Amino acid sequence: MATHEQYVIDEAGKRTAVLVPLQEWERIQAALEELADIRAYDEAKRHPSDPVPFEQAMAEIESNTGE
């Protein structure tokens, strides 16, 4: 993924921040979200569990959200 970043520098010439075009930032955010999903999937696969019937899962979710 190519980026076109610009750096903000302080009086000493030290880089203190980065500016990226909004469209590139949105692509970076989407890639990070996808990576988080992949990591969550990999973690779930490391700890296999028994399947839960859909109705039971929904009942548990609703009881945890107070609905």
N, C-alpha and C. Protein backbone atom coordinates (compact mmCIF):
# COMPACT_ATOMS: atom_id res chain seq x y z
N MET A 1 0.85 -1.17 0.00
CA MET A 1 0.00 0.00 0.00
C MET A 1 0.90 1.23 0.00
N ALA A 2 0.79 2.02 -1.02
CA ALA A 2 1.57 3.24 -1.12
C ALA A 2 0.91 4.34 -0.29
N THR A 3 1.72 5.13 0.38
CA THR A 3 1.20 6.25 1.15
C THR A 3 1.90 7.53 0.73
N HIS A 4 1.25 8.61 0.98
CA HIS A 4 1.79 9.93 0.65
C HIS A 4 1.76 10.78 1.91
N GLU A 5 2.54 10.38 2.87
CA GLU A 5 2.52 11.05 4.16
C GLU A 5 3.36 12.33 4.13
N GLN A 6 3.02 13.23 5.03
CA GLN A 6 3.79 14.45 5.28
C GLN A 6 4.08 14.47 6.77
N TYR A 7 5.22 15.00 7.12
CA TYR A 7 5.62 15.03 8.52
C TYR A 7 5.52 16.44 9.08
N VAL A 8 5.10 16.52 10.33
CA VAL A 8 5.11 17.76 11.07
C VAL A 8 6.38 17.72 11.91
N ILE A 9 7.15 18.78 11.85
CA ILE A 9 8.41 18.81 12.60
C ILE A 9 8.40 19.96 13.60
N ASP A 10 9.17 19.78 14.67
CA ASP A 10 9.28 20.84 15.67
C ASP A 10 10.42 21.78 15.30
N GLU A 11 10.72 22.71 16.20
CA GLU A 11 11.76 23.72 15.94
C GLU A 11 13.13 23.09 15.73
N ALA A 12 13.35 21.92 16.32
CA ALA A 12 14.64 21.25 16.21
C ALA A 12 14.72 20.36 14.97
N GLY A 13 13.64 20.31 14.21
CA GLY A 13 13.62 19.47 13.02
C GLY A 13 13.24 18.02 13.30
N LYS A 14 12.79 17.76 14.53
CA LYS A 14 12.38 16.41 14.91
C LYS A 14 10.94 16.16 14.47
N ARG A 15 10.69 15.01 13.86
CA ARG A 15 9.33 14.65 13.44
C ARG A 15 8.45 14.44 14.67
N THR A 16 7.30 15.09 14.68
CA THR A 16 6.39 14.99 15.83
C THR A 16 5.02 14.43 15.47
N ALA A 17 4.68 14.42 14.19
CA ALA A 17 3.37 13.93 13.76
C ALA A 17 3.43 13.60 12.28
N VAL A 18 2.40 12.89 11.84
CA VAL A 18 2.30 12.51 10.43
C VAL A 18 0.93 12.92 9.91
N LEU A 19 0.92 13.44 8.72
CA LEU A 19 -0.33 13.76 8.03
C LEU A 19 -0.44 12.81 6.84
N VAL A 20 -1.62 12.20 6.70
CA VAL A 20 -1.87 11.37 5.52
C VAL A 20 -3.20 11.81 4.93
N PRO A 21 -3.33 11.72 3.62
CA PRO A 21 -4.62 12.06 3.01
C PRO A 21 -5.74 11.19 3.60
N LEU A 22 -6.92 11.77 3.73
CA LEU A 22 -8.05 11.09 4.36
C LEU A 22 -8.35 9.74 3.71
N GLN A 23 -8.33 9.68 2.39
CA GLN A 23 -8.63 8.43 1.70
C GLN A 23 -7.62 7.34 2.07
N GLU A 24 -6.35 7.70 2.20
CA GLU A 24 -5.34 6.72 2.61
C GLU A 24 -5.57 6.30 4.06
N TRP A 25 -5.91 7.26 4.92
CA TRP A 25 -6.17 6.94 6.33
C TRP A 25 -7.34 5.96 6.45
N GLU A 26 -8.37 6.15 5.64
CA GLU A 26 -9.52 5.24 5.67
C GLU A 26 -9.10 3.84 5.22
N ARG A 27 -8.21 3.74 4.23
CA ARG A 27 -7.71 2.42 3.80
C ARG A 27 -6.89 1.77 4.91
N ILE A 28 -6.08 2.57 5.60
CA ILE A 28 -5.27 2.05 6.71
C ILE A 28 -6.19 1.55 7.82
N GLN A 29 -7.22 2.33 8.16
CA GLN A 29 -8.18 1.92 9.19
C GLN A 29 -8.87 0.61 8.81
N ALA A 30 -9.30 0.49 7.56
CA ALA A 30 -9.97 -0.73 7.10
C ALA A 30 -9.02 -1.93 7.19
N ALA A 31 -7.77 -1.73 6.83
CA ALA A 31 -6.79 -2.82 6.91
C ALA A 31 -6.56 -3.22 8.36
N LEU A 32 -6.50 -2.25 9.27
CA LEU A 32 -6.32 -2.57 10.69
C LEU A 32 -7.52 -3.32 11.26
N GLU A 33 -8.72 -2.94 10.85
CA GLU A 33 -9.91 -3.65 11.30
C GLU A 33 -9.92 -5.08 10.79
N GLU A 34 -9.52 -5.26 9.54
CA GLU A 34 -9.45 -6.61 8.98
C GLU A 34 -8.41 -7.44 9.72
N LEU A 35 -7.27 -6.85 10.03
CA LEU A 35 -6.24 -7.55 10.78
C LEU A 35 -6.75 -7.95 12.17
N ALA A 36 -7.49 -7.06 12.83
CA ALA A 36 -8.06 -7.38 14.15
C ALA A 36 -9.03 -8.55 14.04
N ASP A 37 -9.84 -8.58 12.97
CA ASP A 37 -10.77 -9.69 12.77
C ASP A 37 -10.02 -10.99 12.55
N ILE A 38 -8.95 -10.95 11.78
CA ILE A 38 -8.15 -12.15 11.53
C ILE A 38 -7.53 -12.65 12.82
N ARG A 39 -7.01 -11.74 13.62
CA ARG A 39 -6.40 -12.13 14.91
C ARG A 39 -7.45 -12.74 15.84
N ALA A 40 -8.65 -12.15 15.87
CA ALA A 40 -9.72 -12.70 16.72
C ALA A 40 -10.10 -14.09 16.25
N TYR A 41 -10.18 -14.29 14.94
CA TYR A 41 -10.50 -15.60 14.38
C TYR A 41 -9.41 -16.61 14.76
N ASP A 42 -8.16 -16.23 14.58
CA ASP A 42 -7.05 -17.12 14.92
C ASP A 42 -7.08 -17.49 16.41
N GLU A 43 -7.37 -16.52 17.26
CA GLU A 43 -7.45 -16.78 18.69
C GLU A 43 -8.60 -17.73 19.02
N ALA A 44 -9.74 -17.54 18.36
CA ALA A 44 -10.88 -18.42 18.59
C ALA A 44 -10.57 -19.85 18.14
N LYS A 45 -9.84 -19.99 17.06
CA LYS A 45 -9.48 -21.32 16.56
C LYS A 45 -8.54 -22.04 17.52
N ARG A 46 -7.75 -21.29 18.29
CA ARG A 46 -6.82 -21.90 19.25
C ARG A 46 -7.55 -22.49 20.45
N HIS A 47 -8.74 -22.02 20.70
CA HIS A 47 -9.52 -22.48 21.85
C HIS A 47 -10.86 -23.01 21.37
N PRO A 48 -10.86 -24.18 20.75
CA PRO A 48 -12.12 -24.71 20.22
C PRO A 48 -13.13 -24.97 21.34
N SER A 49 -14.39 -24.84 20.98
CA SER A 49 -15.47 -25.10 21.95
C SER A 49 -16.59 -25.81 21.23
N ASP A 50 -17.52 -26.32 22.01
CA ASP A 50 -18.68 -26.99 21.44
C ASP A 50 -19.62 -25.97 20.82
N PRO A 51 -20.26 -26.33 19.72
CA PRO A 51 -21.23 -25.41 19.11
C PRO A 51 -22.40 -25.15 20.05
N VAL A 52 -22.96 -23.95 19.94
CA VAL A 52 -24.11 -23.55 20.73
C VAL A 52 -25.26 -23.32 19.76
N PRO A 53 -26.44 -23.89 20.07
CA PRO A 53 -27.59 -23.64 19.19
C PRO A 53 -27.89 -22.14 19.08
N PHE A 54 -28.34 -21.71 17.92
CA PHE A 54 -28.60 -20.30 17.65
C PHE A 54 -29.52 -19.69 18.70
N GLU A 55 -30.62 -20.37 19.01
CA GLU A 55 -31.59 -19.83 19.97
C GLU A 55 -30.95 -19.61 21.34
N GLN A 56 -30.10 -20.54 21.76
CA GLN A 56 -29.42 -20.41 23.05
C GLN A 56 -28.46 -19.23 23.01
N ALA A 57 -27.72 -19.09 21.92
CA ALA A 57 -26.78 -17.98 21.80
C ALA A 57 -27.52 -16.65 21.87
N MET A 58 -28.65 -16.54 21.15
CA MET A 58 -29.41 -15.30 21.16
C MET A 58 -29.97 -15.01 22.55
N ALA A 59 -30.44 -16.04 23.25
CA ALA A 59 -30.96 -15.85 24.60
C ALA A 59 -29.85 -15.35 25.53
N GLU A 60 -28.64 -15.90 25.40
CA GLU A 60 -27.53 -15.46 26.24
C GLU A 60 -27.14 -14.02 25.92
N ILE A 61 -27.13 -13.69 24.65
CA ILE A 61 -26.78 -12.31 24.26
C ILE A 61 -27.80 -11.34 24.81
N GLU A 62 -29.07 -11.66 24.66
CA GLU A 62 -30.12 -10.78 25.14
C GLU A 62 -30.10 -10.64 26.66
N SER A 63 -29.79 -11.71 27.36
CA SER A 63 -29.74 -11.62 28.83
C SER A 63 -28.54 -10.79 29.29
N ASN A 64 -27.48 -10.75 28.48
CA ASN A 64 -26.30 -9.96 28.84
C ASN A 64 -26.46 -8.48 28.49
N THR A 65 -27.38 -8.16 27.59
CA THR A 65 -27.59 -6.77 27.20
C THR A 65 -28.79 -6.15 27.90
N GLY A 66 -29.51 -6.95 28.68
CA GLY A 66 -30.63 -6.44 29.43
C GLY A 66 -31.90 -6.28 28.62
N GLU A 67 -31.95 -6.88 27.44
CA GLU A 67 -33.15 -6.77 26.61
C GLU A 67 -34.19 -7.78 27.00
